[in-house]
Protein backbone atom coordinates (compact mmCIF):
# COMPACT_ATOMS: atom_id res chain seq x y z
CA UNK A 1 0.00 0.00 0.00
CA UNK A 2 2.77 2.43 0.92
CA UNK A 3 4.67 1.88 -2.31
CA UNK A 4 1.61 2.49 -4.46
CA UNK A 5 0.67 5.57 -2.40
CA UNK A 6 4.13 7.12 -2.83
CA UNK A 7 4.66 6.11 -6.46
CA UNK A 8 1.35 7.76 -7.38
CA UNK A 9 2.59 11.03 -5.90
CA UNK A 10 6.17 10.98 -7.23
CA UNK A 11 7.28 13.43 -9.89
CA UNK A 12 9.73 12.59 -12.65
CA UNK A 13 13.19 14.12 -12.62
CA UNK A 14 15.53 14.92 -15.51
CA UNK A 15 17.84 12.01 -14.64
CA UNK A 16 15.01 9.47 -15.01
CA UNK A 17 14.50 9.02 -11.28
CA UNK A 18 11.43 9.97 -9.35
CA UNK A 19 11.25 12.51 -6.55
CA UNK A 20 8.88 12.66 -3.60
CA UNK A 21 8.56 15.98 -1.81
CA UNK A 22 8.64 16.49 1.94
CA UNK A 23 4.94 17.26 2.22
CA UNK A 24 4.11 13.90 0.66
CA UNK A 25 6.46 12.13 3.04
CA UNK A 26 4.99 14.00 6.02
CA UNK A 27 1.47 12.99 5.01
CA UNK A 28 2.25 9.26 5.04
CA UNK A 29 0.56 7.46 7.89
CA UNK A 30 2.68 4.76 9.47
CA UNK A 31 1.24 2.01 11.61
CA UNK A 32 2.76 1.98 15.09
CA UNK A 33 2.61 -1.19 17.16
CA UNK A 34 1.35 -1.00 20.75
CA UNK A 35 3.87 0.16 23.35
CA UNK A 36 4.33 -3.30 24.88
CA UNK A 37 5.16 -4.72 21.44
CA UNK A 38 7.59 -1.85 20.81
CA UNK A 39 9.33 -2.68 24.10
CA UNK A 40 9.54 -6.35 23.16
CA UNK A 41 11.02 -5.47 19.76
CA UNK A 42 13.53 -3.12 21.40
CA UNK A 43 14.51 -5.83 23.88
CA UNK A 44 15.08 -8.38 21.10
CA UNK A 45 17.13 -5.85 19.15
CA UNK A 46 19.26 -5.20 22.25
CA UNK A 47 19.94 -8.94 22.52
CA UNK A 48 21.04 -8.95 18.87
CA UNK A 49 23.24 -5.88 19.42
CA UNK A 50 24.88 -7.56 22.42
CA UNK A 51 25.60 -10.67 20.34
CA UNK A 52 27.19 -8.55 17.63
CA UNK A 53 29.44 -6.81 20.18
CA UNK A 54 30.43 -10.15 21.72
CA UNK A 55 31.30 -11.66 18.35
CA UNK A 56 33.28 -8.56 17.32
CA UNK A 57 35.29 -8.85 20.54
CA UNK A 58 35.83 -12.56 19.90
CA UNK A 59 37.00 -11.84 16.36
CA UNK A 60 39.45 -9.20 17.62
CA UNK A 61 40.84 -11.61 20.23
CA UNK A 62 41.29 -14.36 17.65
CA UNK A 63 42.95 -11.93 15.24
CA UNK A 64 45.37 -10.82 17.94
CA UNK A 65 46.14 -14.45 18.81
CA UNK A 66 46.75 -15.26 15.15
CA UNK A 67 49.09 -12.29 14.70
CA UNK A 68 51.02 -13.18 17.86
CA UNK A 69 51.40 -16.82 16.86
CA UNK A 70 52.40 -15.89 13.32
CA UNK A 71 55.03 -13.50 14.64
CA UNK A 72 56.38 -16.15 17.00
CA UNK A 73 56.53 -18.73 14.21
CA UNK A 74 58.19 -16.38 11.75
CA UNK A 75 60.81 -15.21 14.25
CA UNK A 76 61.58 -18.75 15.44
CA UNK A 77 60.38 -18.11 18.98
CA UNK A 78 58.28 -21.27 18.67
CA UNK A 79 58.70 -24.24 16.37
CA UNK A 80 56.27 -26.89 15.26
CA UNK A 81 58.89 -29.64 15.06
CA UNK A 82 57.61 -33.16 15.48
CA UNK A 83 54.18 -31.98 16.56
CA UNK A 84 53.51 -30.94 12.95
CA UNK A 85 54.61 -34.32 11.58
CA UNK A 86 52.35 -36.20 13.99
CA UNK A 87 49.42 -33.89 13.14
CA UNK A 88 49.82 -34.55 9.40
CA UNK A 89 49.46 -38.30 9.98
CA UNK A 90 46.05 -37.77 11.58
CA UNK A 91 44.59 -36.37 8.38
PDB file of N, CA and C in Angstrom:
ATOM      1  N   UNK A   1       0.822  -1.193   0.000  1.00  0.00           N
ATOM      2  CA  UNK A   1       0.000   0.000   0.000  1.00  0.00           C
ATOM      3  C   UNK A   1       0.867   1.258   0.000  1.00  0.00           C
ATOM      4  N   UNK A   2       1.904   1.248   0.827  1.00  0.00           N
ATOM      5  CA  UNK A   2       2.772   2.428   0.924  1.00  0.00           C
ATOM      6  C   UNK A   2       3.474   2.731  -0.377  1.00  0.00           C
ATOM      7  N   UNK A   3       3.949   1.680  -1.045  1.00  0.00           N
ATOM      8  CA  UNK A   3       4.666   1.884  -2.310  1.00  0.00           C
ATOM      9  C   UNK A   3       3.742   2.483  -3.360  1.00  0.00           C
ATOM     10  N   UNK A   4       2.531   1.960  -3.453  1.00  0.00           N
ATOM     11  CA  UNK A   4       1.607   2.490  -4.460  1.00  0.00           C
ATOM     12  C   UNK A   4       1.187   3.921  -4.114  1.00  0.00           C
ATOM     13  N   UNK A   5       1.030   4.216  -2.820  1.00  0.00           N
ATOM     14  CA  UNK A   5       0.675   5.570  -2.398  1.00  0.00           C
ATOM     15  C   UNK A   5       1.763   6.553  -2.811  1.00  0.00           C
ATOM     16  N   UNK A   6       3.028   6.204  -2.529  1.00  0.00           N
ATOM     17  CA  UNK A   6       4.129   7.116  -2.830  1.00  0.00           C
ATOM     18  C   UNK A   6       4.414   7.201  -4.327  1.00  0.00           C
ATOM     19  N   UNK A   7       4.351   6.068  -5.022  1.00  0.00           N
ATOM     20  CA  UNK A   7       4.656   6.106  -6.455  1.00  0.00           C
ATOM     21  C   UNK A   7       3.615   6.918  -7.221  1.00  0.00           C
ATOM     22  N   UNK A   8       2.390   6.959  -6.733  1.00  0.00           N
ATOM     23  CA  UNK A   8       1.352   7.756  -7.379  1.00  0.00           C
ATOM     24  C   UNK A   8       1.543   9.244  -7.180  1.00  0.00           C
ATOM     25  N   UNK A   9       2.365   9.621  -6.206  1.00  0.00           N
ATOM     26  CA  UNK A   9       2.591  11.027  -5.901  1.00  0.00           C
ATOM     27  C   UNK A   9       3.989  11.506  -6.276  1.00  0.00           C
ATOM     28  N   UNK A  10       4.796  10.632  -6.855  1.00  0.00           N
ATOM     29  CA  UNK A  10       6.168  10.985  -7.233  1.00  0.00           C
ATOM     30  C   UNK A  10       6.167  11.762  -8.536  1.00  0.00           C
ATOM     31  N   UNK A  11       7.128  12.665  -8.656  1.00  0.00           N
ATOM     32  CA  UNK A  11       7.276  13.433  -9.893  1.00  0.00           C
ATOM     33  C   UNK A  11       8.581  13.021 -10.568  1.00  0.00           C
ATOM     34  N   UNK A  12       8.549  12.985 -11.887  1.00  0.00           N
ATOM     35  CA  UNK A  12       9.728  12.591 -12.646  1.00  0.00           C
ATOM     36  C   UNK A  12      10.805  13.656 -12.610  1.00  0.00           C
ATOM     37  N   UNK A  13      12.055  13.205 -12.615  1.00  0.00           N
ATOM     38  CA  UNK A  13      13.192  14.124 -12.625  1.00  0.00           C
ATOM     39  C   UNK A  13      13.919  13.979 -13.960  1.00  0.00           C
ATOM     40  N   UNK A  14      14.803  14.912 -14.238  1.00  0.00           N
ATOM     41  CA  UNK A  14      15.527  14.919 -15.509  1.00  0.00           C
ATOM     42  C   UNK A  14      16.430  13.700 -15.667  1.00  0.00           C
ATOM     43  N   UNK A  15      16.916  13.155 -14.561  1.00  0.00           N
ATOM     44  CA  UNK A  15      17.836  12.010 -14.642  1.00  0.00           C
ATOM     45  C   UNK A  15      17.108  10.667 -14.736  1.00  0.00           C
ATOM     46  N   UNK A  16      15.783  10.700 -14.867  1.00  0.00           N
ATOM     47  CA  UNK A  16      15.012   9.475 -15.010  1.00  0.00           C
ATOM     48  C   UNK A  16      14.543   8.892 -13.693  1.00  0.00           C
ATOM     49  N   UNK A  17      14.950   9.483 -12.598  1.00  0.00           N
ATOM     50  CA  UNK A  17      14.505   9.018 -11.282  1.00  0.00           C
ATOM     51  C   UNK A  17      13.239   9.756 -10.903  1.00  0.00           C
ATOM     52  N   UNK A  18      12.639   9.322  -9.810  1.00  0.00           N
ATOM     53  CA  UNK A  18      11.426   9.969  -9.350  1.00  0.00           C
ATOM     54  C   UNK A  18      11.686  10.610  -7.996  1.00  0.00           C
ATOM     55  N   UNK A  19      11.091  11.775  -7.794  1.00  0.00           N
ATOM     56  CA  UNK A  19      11.250  12.506  -6.548  1.00  0.00           C
ATOM     57  C   UNK A  19       9.937  12.550  -5.787  1.00  0.00           C
ATOM     58  N   UNK A  20      10.049  12.531  -4.470  1.00  0.00           N
ATOM     59  CA  UNK A  20       8.882  12.656  -3.600  1.00  0.00           C
ATOM     60  C   UNK A  20       9.177  13.825  -2.668  1.00  0.00           C
ATOM     61  N   UNK A  21       8.287  14.793  -2.632  1.00  0.00           N
ATOM     62  CA  UNK A  21       8.557  15.982  -1.815  1.00  0.00           C
ATOM     63  C   UNK A  21       8.282  15.730  -0.331  1.00  0.00           C
ATOM     64  N   UNK A  22       8.750  16.646   0.492  1.00  0.00           N
ATOM     65  CA  UNK A  22       8.638  16.488   1.940  1.00  0.00           C
ATOM     66  C   UNK A  22       7.193  16.461   2.412  1.00  0.00           C
ATOM     67  N   UNK A  23       6.344  17.235   1.804  1.00  0.00           N
ATOM     68  CA  UNK A  23       4.938  17.264   2.220  1.00  0.00           C
ATOM     69  C   UNK A  23       4.297  15.892   2.015  1.00  0.00           C
ATOM     70  N   UNK A  24       4.653  15.243   0.906  1.00  0.00           N
ATOM     71  CA  UNK A  24       4.109  13.903   0.657  1.00  0.00           C
ATOM     72  C   UNK A  24       4.610  12.935   1.717  1.00  0.00           C
ATOM     73  N   UNK A  25       5.882  13.006   2.021  1.00  0.00           N
ATOM     74  CA  UNK A  25       6.459  12.128   3.044  1.00  0.00           C
ATOM     75  C   UNK A  25       5.799  12.384   4.393  1.00  0.00           C
ATOM     76  N   UNK A  26       5.608  13.648   4.737  1.00  0.00           N
ATOM     77  CA  UNK A  26       4.992  14.000   6.019  1.00  0.00           C
ATOM     78  C   UNK A  26       3.549  13.520   6.117  1.00  0.00           C
ATOM     79  N   UNK A  27       2.890  13.383   4.981  1.00  0.00           N
ATOM     80  CA  UNK A  27       1.474  12.991   5.008  1.00  0.00           C
ATOM     81  C   UNK A  27       1.276  11.476   5.097  1.00  0.00           C
ATOM     82  N   UNK A  28       2.374  10.708   4.987  1.00  0.00           N
ATOM     83  CA  UNK A  28       2.254   9.256   5.040  1.00  0.00           C
ATOM     84  C   UNK A  28       1.939   8.816   6.461  1.00  0.00           C
ATOM     85  N   UNK A  29       0.916   8.010   6.589  1.00  0.00           N
ATOM     86  CA  UNK A  29       0.555   7.462   7.891  1.00  0.00           C
ATOM     87  C   UNK A  29       1.267   6.130   8.068  1.00  0.00           C
ATOM     88  N   UNK A  30       1.956   5.994   9.180  1.00  0.00           N
ATOM     89  CA  UNK A  30       2.678   4.760   9.471  1.00  0.00           C
ATOM     90  C   UNK A  30       2.024   4.041  10.638  1.00  0.00           C
ATOM     91  N   UNK A  31       1.802   2.755  10.475  1.00  0.00           N
ATOM     92  CA  UNK A  31       1.241   2.011  11.610  1.00  0.00           C
ATOM     93  C   UNK A  31       2.290   1.885  12.720  1.00  0.00           C
ATOM     94  N   UNK A  32       1.864   2.075  13.943  1.00  0.00           N
ATOM     95  CA  UNK A  32       2.761   1.980  15.091  1.00  0.00           C
ATOM     96  C   UNK A  32       2.227   0.871  15.998  1.00  0.00           C
ATOM     97  N   UNK A  33       3.085  -0.108  16.286  1.00  0.00           N
ATOM     98  CA  UNK A  33       2.609  -1.189  17.163  1.00  0.00           C
ATOM     99  C   UNK A  33       2.372  -0.680  18.582  1.00  0.00           C
ATOM    100  N   UNK A  34       1.588  -1.397  19.354  1.00  0.00           N
ATOM    101  CA  UNK A  34       1.348  -1.000  20.746  1.00  0.00           C
ATOM    102  C   UNK A  34       2.669  -0.898  21.517  1.00  0.00           C
ATOM    103  N   UNK A  35       2.667  -0.113  22.585  1.00  0.00           N
ATOM    104  CA  UNK A  35       3.872   0.157  23.348  1.00  0.00           C
ATOM    105  C   UNK A  35       4.526  -1.113  23.883  1.00  0.00           C
ATOM    106  N   UNK A  36       3.738  -2.070  24.356  1.00  0.00           N
ATOM    107  CA  UNK A  36       4.330  -3.304  24.881  1.00  0.00           C
ATOM    108  C   UNK A  36       5.042  -4.086  23.775  1.00  0.00           C
ATOM    109  N   UNK A  37       4.505  -4.061  22.573  1.00  0.00           N
ATOM    110  CA  UNK A  37       5.157  -4.725  21.445  1.00  0.00           C
ATOM    111  C   UNK A  37       6.432  -3.968  21.043  1.00  0.00           C
ATOM    112  N   UNK A  38       6.388  -2.646  21.099  1.00  0.00           N
ATOM    113  CA  UNK A  38       7.587  -1.849  20.814  1.00  0.00           C
ATOM    114  C   UNK A  38       8.700  -2.183  21.807  1.00  0.00           C
ATOM    115  N   UNK A  39       8.335  -2.330  23.072  1.00  0.00           N
ATOM    116  CA  UNK A  39       9.327  -2.678  24.096  1.00  0.00           C
ATOM    117  C   UNK A  39       9.917  -4.067  23.841  1.00  0.00           C
ATOM    118  N   UNK A  40       9.074  -4.993  23.456  1.00  0.00           N
ATOM    119  CA  UNK A  40       9.542  -6.348  23.156  1.00  0.00           C
ATOM    120  C   UNK A  40      10.497  -6.342  21.959  1.00  0.00           C
ATOM    121  N   UNK A  41      10.144  -5.588  20.942  1.00  0.00           N
ATOM    122  CA  UNK A  41      11.016  -5.471  19.759  1.00  0.00           C
ATOM    123  C   UNK A  41      12.349  -4.852  20.159  1.00  0.00           C
ATOM    124  N   UNK A  42      12.304  -3.782  20.960  1.00  0.00           N
ATOM    125  CA  UNK A  42      13.535  -3.119  21.401  1.00  0.00           C
ATOM    126  C   UNK A  42      14.396  -4.069  22.226  1.00  0.00           C
ATOM    127  N   UNK A  43      13.777  -4.871  23.051  1.00  0.00           N
ATOM    128  CA  UNK A  43      14.508  -5.830  23.876  1.00  0.00           C
ATOM    129  C   UNK A  43      15.199  -6.877  23.001  1.00  0.00           C
ATOM    130  N   UNK A  44      14.494  -7.397  22.010  1.00  0.00           N
ATOM    131  CA  UNK A  44      15.079  -8.379  21.095  1.00  0.00           C
ATOM    132  C   UNK A  44      16.223  -7.771  20.295  1.00  0.00           C
ATOM    133  N   UNK A  45      16.063  -6.524  19.890  1.00  0.00           N
ATOM    134  CA  UNK A  45      17.132  -5.847  19.152  1.00  0.00           C
ATOM    135  C   UNK A  45      18.355  -5.637  20.038  1.00  0.00           C
ATOM    136  N   UNK A  46      18.140  -5.356  21.315  1.00  0.00           N
ATOM    137  CA  UNK A  46      19.258  -5.196  22.250  1.00  0.00           C
ATOM    138  C   UNK A  46      20.015  -6.508  22.406  1.00  0.00           C
ATOM    139  N   UNK A  47      19.290  -7.629  22.448  1.00  0.00           N
ATOM    140  CA  UNK A  47      19.939  -8.939  22.519  1.00  0.00           C
ATOM    141  C   UNK A  47      20.809  -9.146  21.278  1.00  0.00           C
ATOM    142  N   UNK A  48      20.273  -8.820  20.124  1.00  0.00           N
ATOM    143  CA  UNK A  48      21.036  -8.951  18.874  1.00  0.00           C
ATOM    144  C   UNK A  48      22.266  -8.050  18.887  1.00  0.00           C
ATOM    145  N   UNK A  49      22.109  -6.810  19.331  1.00  0.00           N
ATOM    146  CA  UNK A  49      23.242  -5.881  19.415  1.00  0.00           C
ATOM    147  C   UNK A  49      24.329  -6.420  20.341  1.00  0.00           C
ATOM    148  N   UNK A  50      23.913  -6.996  21.470  1.00  0.00           N
ATOM    149  CA  UNK A  50      24.880  -7.563  22.417  1.00  0.00           C
ATOM    150  C   UNK A  50      25.636  -8.733  21.790  1.00  0.00           C
ATOM    151  N   UNK A  51      24.941  -9.547  21.018  1.00  0.00           N
ATOM    152  CA  UNK A  51      25.599 -10.672  20.343  1.00  0.00           C
ATOM    153  C   UNK A  51      26.617 -10.168  19.328  1.00  0.00           C
ATOM    154  N   UNK A  52      26.269  -9.124  18.611  1.00  0.00           N
ATOM    155  CA  UNK A  52      27.195  -8.549  17.629  1.00  0.00           C
ATOM    156  C   UNK A  52      28.451  -8.051  18.327  1.00  0.00           C
ATOM    157  N   UNK A  53      28.295  -7.335  19.434  1.00  0.00           N
ATOM    158  CA  UNK A  53      29.443  -6.811  20.176  1.00  0.00           C
ATOM    159  C   UNK A  53      30.312  -7.962  20.675  1.00  0.00           C
ATOM    160  N   UNK A  54      29.690  -8.989  21.223  1.00  0.00           N
ATOM    161  CA  UNK A  54      30.432 -10.149  21.720  1.00  0.00           C
ATOM    162  C   UNK A  54      31.224 -10.816  20.615  1.00  0.00           C
ATOM    163  N   UNK A  55      30.607 -11.007  19.462  1.00  0.00           N
ATOM    164  CA  UNK A  55      31.298 -11.657  18.346  1.00  0.00           C
ATOM    165  C   UNK A  55      32.404 -10.778  17.770  1.00  0.00           C
ATOM    166  N   UNK A  56      32.217  -9.461  17.778  1.00  0.00           N
ATOM    167  CA  UNK A  56      33.280  -8.561  17.322  1.00  0.00           C
ATOM    168  C   UNK A  56      34.475  -8.631  18.262  1.00  0.00           C
ATOM    169  N   UNK A  57      34.211  -8.720  19.563  1.00  0.00           N
ATOM    170  CA  UNK A  57      35.292  -8.850  20.541  1.00  0.00           C
ATOM    171  C   UNK A  57      36.011 -10.188  20.363  1.00  0.00           C
ATOM    172  N   UNK A  58      35.242 -11.228  20.121  1.00  0.00           N
ATOM    173  CA  UNK A  58      35.828 -12.559  19.902  1.00  0.00           C
ATOM    174  C   UNK A  58      36.710 -12.547  18.658  1.00  0.00           C
ATOM    175  N   UNK A  59      36.222 -11.933  17.597  1.00  0.00           N
ATOM    176  CA  UNK A  59      36.996 -11.843  16.364  1.00  0.00           C
ATOM    177  C   UNK A  59      38.307 -11.095  16.600  1.00  0.00           C
ATOM    178  N   UNK A  60      38.242  -9.980  17.335  1.00  0.00           N
ATOM    179  CA  UNK A  60      39.447  -9.196  17.616  1.00  0.00           C
ATOM    180  C   UNK A  60      40.442 -10.012  18.436  1.00  0.00           C
ATOM    181  N   UNK A  61      39.953 -10.777  19.407  1.00  0.00           N
ATOM    182  CA  UNK A  61      40.841 -11.606  20.228  1.00  0.00           C
ATOM    183  C   UNK A  61      41.499 -12.692  19.386  1.00  0.00           C
ATOM    184  N   UNK A  62      40.730 -13.327  18.518  1.00  0.00           N
ATOM    185  CA  UNK A  62      41.294 -14.361  17.651  1.00  0.00           C
ATOM    186  C   UNK A  62      42.300 -13.778  16.667  1.00  0.00           C
ATOM    187  N   UNK A  63      42.020 -12.590  16.162  1.00  0.00           N
ATOM    188  CA  UNK A  63      42.951 -11.934  15.236  1.00  0.00           C
ATOM    189  C   UNK A  63      44.266 -11.613  15.937  1.00  0.00           C
ATOM    190  N   UNK A  64      44.168 -11.120  17.169  1.00  0.00           N
ATOM    191  CA  UNK A  64      45.374 -10.816  17.935  1.00  0.00           C
ATOM    192  C   UNK A  64      46.166 -12.090  18.224  1.00  0.00           C
ATOM    193  N   UNK A  65      45.473 -13.167  18.562  1.00  0.00           N
ATOM    194  CA  UNK A  65      46.139 -14.448  18.807  1.00  0.00           C
ATOM    195  C   UNK A  65      46.847 -14.936  17.546  1.00  0.00           C
ATOM    196  N   UNK A  66      46.158 -14.842  16.420  1.00  0.00           N
ATOM    197  CA  UNK A  66      46.751 -15.256  15.153  1.00  0.00           C
ATOM    198  C   UNK A  66      48.015 -14.457  14.855  1.00  0.00           C
ATOM    199  N   UNK A  67      47.935 -13.143  15.004  1.00  0.00           N
ATOM    200  CA  UNK A  67      49.090 -12.291  14.705  1.00  0.00           C
ATOM    201  C   UNK A  67      50.259 -12.599  15.638  1.00  0.00           C
ATOM    202  N   UNK A  68      49.971 -12.838  16.904  1.00  0.00           N
ATOM    203  CA  UNK A  68      51.020 -13.178  17.864  1.00  0.00           C
ATOM    204  C   UNK A  68      51.674 -14.509  17.493  1.00  0.00           C
ATOM    205  N   UNK A  69      50.865 -15.504  17.201  1.00  0.00           N
ATOM    206  CA  UNK A  69      51.398 -16.822  16.856  1.00  0.00           C
ATOM    207  C   UNK A  69      52.188 -16.763  15.553  1.00  0.00           C
ATOM    208  N   UNK A  70      51.692 -16.022  14.584  1.00  0.00           N
ATOM    209  CA  UNK A  70      52.398 -15.886  13.317  1.00  0.00           C
ATOM    210  C   UNK A  70      53.759 -15.227  13.535  1.00  0.00           C
ATOM    211  N   UNK A  71      53.770 -14.180  14.338  1.00  0.00           N
ATOM    212  CA  UNK A  71      55.034 -13.495  14.637  1.00  0.00           C
ATOM    213  C   UNK A  71      56.007 -14.458  15.327  1.00  0.00           C
ATOM    214  N   UNK A  72      55.526 -15.218  16.285  1.00  0.00           N
ATOM    215  CA  UNK A  72      56.385 -16.152  17.005  1.00  0.00           C
ATOM    216  C   UNK A  72      56.908 -17.257  16.084  1.00  0.00           C
ATOM    217  N   UNK A  73      56.082 -17.719  15.173  1.00  0.00           N
ATOM    218  CA  UNK A  73      56.535 -18.732  14.212  1.00  0.00           C
ATOM    219  C   UNK A  73      57.565 -18.160  13.251  1.00  0.00           C
ATOM    220  N   UNK A  74      57.299 -16.965  12.750  1.00  0.00           N
ATOM    221  CA  UNK A  74      58.186 -16.377  11.746  1.00  0.00           C
ATOM    222  C   UNK A  74      59.530 -15.944  12.344  1.00  0.00           C
ATOM    223  N   UNK A  75      59.560 -15.622  13.621  1.00  0.00           N
ATOM    224  CA  UNK A  75      60.814 -15.206  14.254  1.00  0.00           C
ATOM    225  C   UNK A  75      61.519 -16.377  14.934  1.00  0.00           C
ATOM    226  N   UNK A  76      60.950 -17.560  14.855  1.00  0.00           N
ATOM    227  CA  UNK A  76      61.576 -18.747  15.436  1.00  0.00           C
ATOM    228  C   UNK A  76      61.435 -18.857  16.936  1.00  0.00           C
ATOM    229  N   UNK A  77      60.589 -18.033  17.531  1.00  0.00           N
ATOM    230  CA  UNK A  77      60.384 -18.110  18.983  1.00  0.00           C
ATOM    231  C   UNK A  77      59.715 -19.419  19.369  1.00  0.00           C
ATOM    232  N   UNK A  78      58.870 -19.940  18.470  1.00  0.00           N
ATOM    233  CA  UNK A  78      58.277 -21.270  18.669  1.00  0.00           C
ATOM    234  C   UNK A  78      58.466 -22.051  17.379  1.00  0.00           C
ATOM    235  N   UNK A  79      58.533 -23.363  17.524  1.00  0.00           N
ATOM    236  CA  UNK A  79      58.704 -24.239  16.367  1.00  0.00           C
ATOM    237  C   UNK A  79      57.674 -25.342  16.448  1.00  0.00           C
ATOM    238  N   UNK A  80      57.239 -25.800  15.291  1.00  0.00           N
ATOM    239  CA  UNK A  80      56.272 -26.890  15.256  1.00  0.00           C
ATOM    240  C   UNK A  80      56.956 -28.233  15.458  1.00  0.00           C
ATOM    241  N   UNK A  81      58.120 -28.418  14.871  1.00  0.00           N
ATOM    242  CA  UNK A  81      58.890 -29.639  15.055  1.00  0.00           C
ATOM    243  C   UNK A  81      58.091 -30.892  14.791  1.00  0.00           C
ATOM    244  N   UNK A  82      58.257 -31.862  15.656  1.00  0.00           N
ATOM    245  CA  UNK A  82      57.608 -33.164  15.483  1.00  0.00           C
ATOM    246  C   UNK A  82      56.102 -33.092  15.661  1.00  0.00           C
ATOM    247  N   UNK A  83      55.636 -32.101  16.376  1.00  0.00           N
ATOM    248  CA  UNK A  83      54.185 -31.979  16.558  1.00  0.00           C
ATOM    249  C   UNK A  83      53.500 -31.831  15.209  1.00  0.00           C
ATOM    250  N   UNK A  84      54.090 -31.112  14.279  1.00  0.00           N
ATOM    251  CA  UNK A  84      53.513 -30.937  12.947  1.00  0.00           C
ATOM    252  C   UNK A  84      53.476 -32.266  12.205  1.00  0.00           C
ATOM    253  N   UNK A  85      54.556 -33.040  12.261  1.00  0.00           N
ATOM    254  CA  UNK A  85      54.611 -34.319  11.576  1.00  0.00           C
ATOM    255  C   UNK A  85      53.549 -35.276  12.125  1.00  0.00           C
ATOM    256  N   UNK A  86      53.352 -35.294  13.429  1.00  0.00           N
ATOM    257  CA  UNK A  86      52.352 -36.199  13.992  1.00  0.00           C
ATOM    258  C   UNK A  86      50.935 -35.725  13.655  1.00  0.00           C
ATOM    259  N   UNK A  87      50.745 -34.424  13.515  1.00  0.00           N
ATOM    260  CA  UNK A  87      49.423 -33.889  13.144  1.00  0.00           C
ATOM    261  C   UNK A  87      49.095 -34.260  11.705  1.00  0.00           C
ATOM    262  N   UNK A  88      50.071 -34.232  10.811  1.00  0.00           N
ATOM    263  CA  UNK A  88      49.821 -34.551   9.402  1.00  0.00           C
ATOM    264  C   UNK A  88      49.335 -35.984   9.264  1.00  0.00           C
ATOM    265  N   UNK A  89      49.850 -36.893  10.081  1.00  0.00           N
ATOM    266  CA  UNK A  89      49.465 -38.295   9.980  1.00  0.00           C
ATOM    267  C   UNK A  89      48.008 -38.504  10.361  1.00  0.00           C
ATOM    268  N   UNK A  90      47.437 -37.644  11.177  1.00  0.00           N
ATOM    269  CA  UNK A  90      46.046 -37.768  11.582  1.00  0.00           C
ATOM    270  C   UNK A  90      45.092 -37.565  10.409  1.00  0.00           C
ATOM    271  N   UNK A  91      45.493 -36.725   9.470  1.00  0.00           N
ATOM    272  CA  UNK A  91      44.593 -36.366   8.381  1.00  0.00           C
ATOM    273  C   UNK A  91      44.821 -37.295   7.275  1.00  0.00           C
TER     274      UNK A  91
END
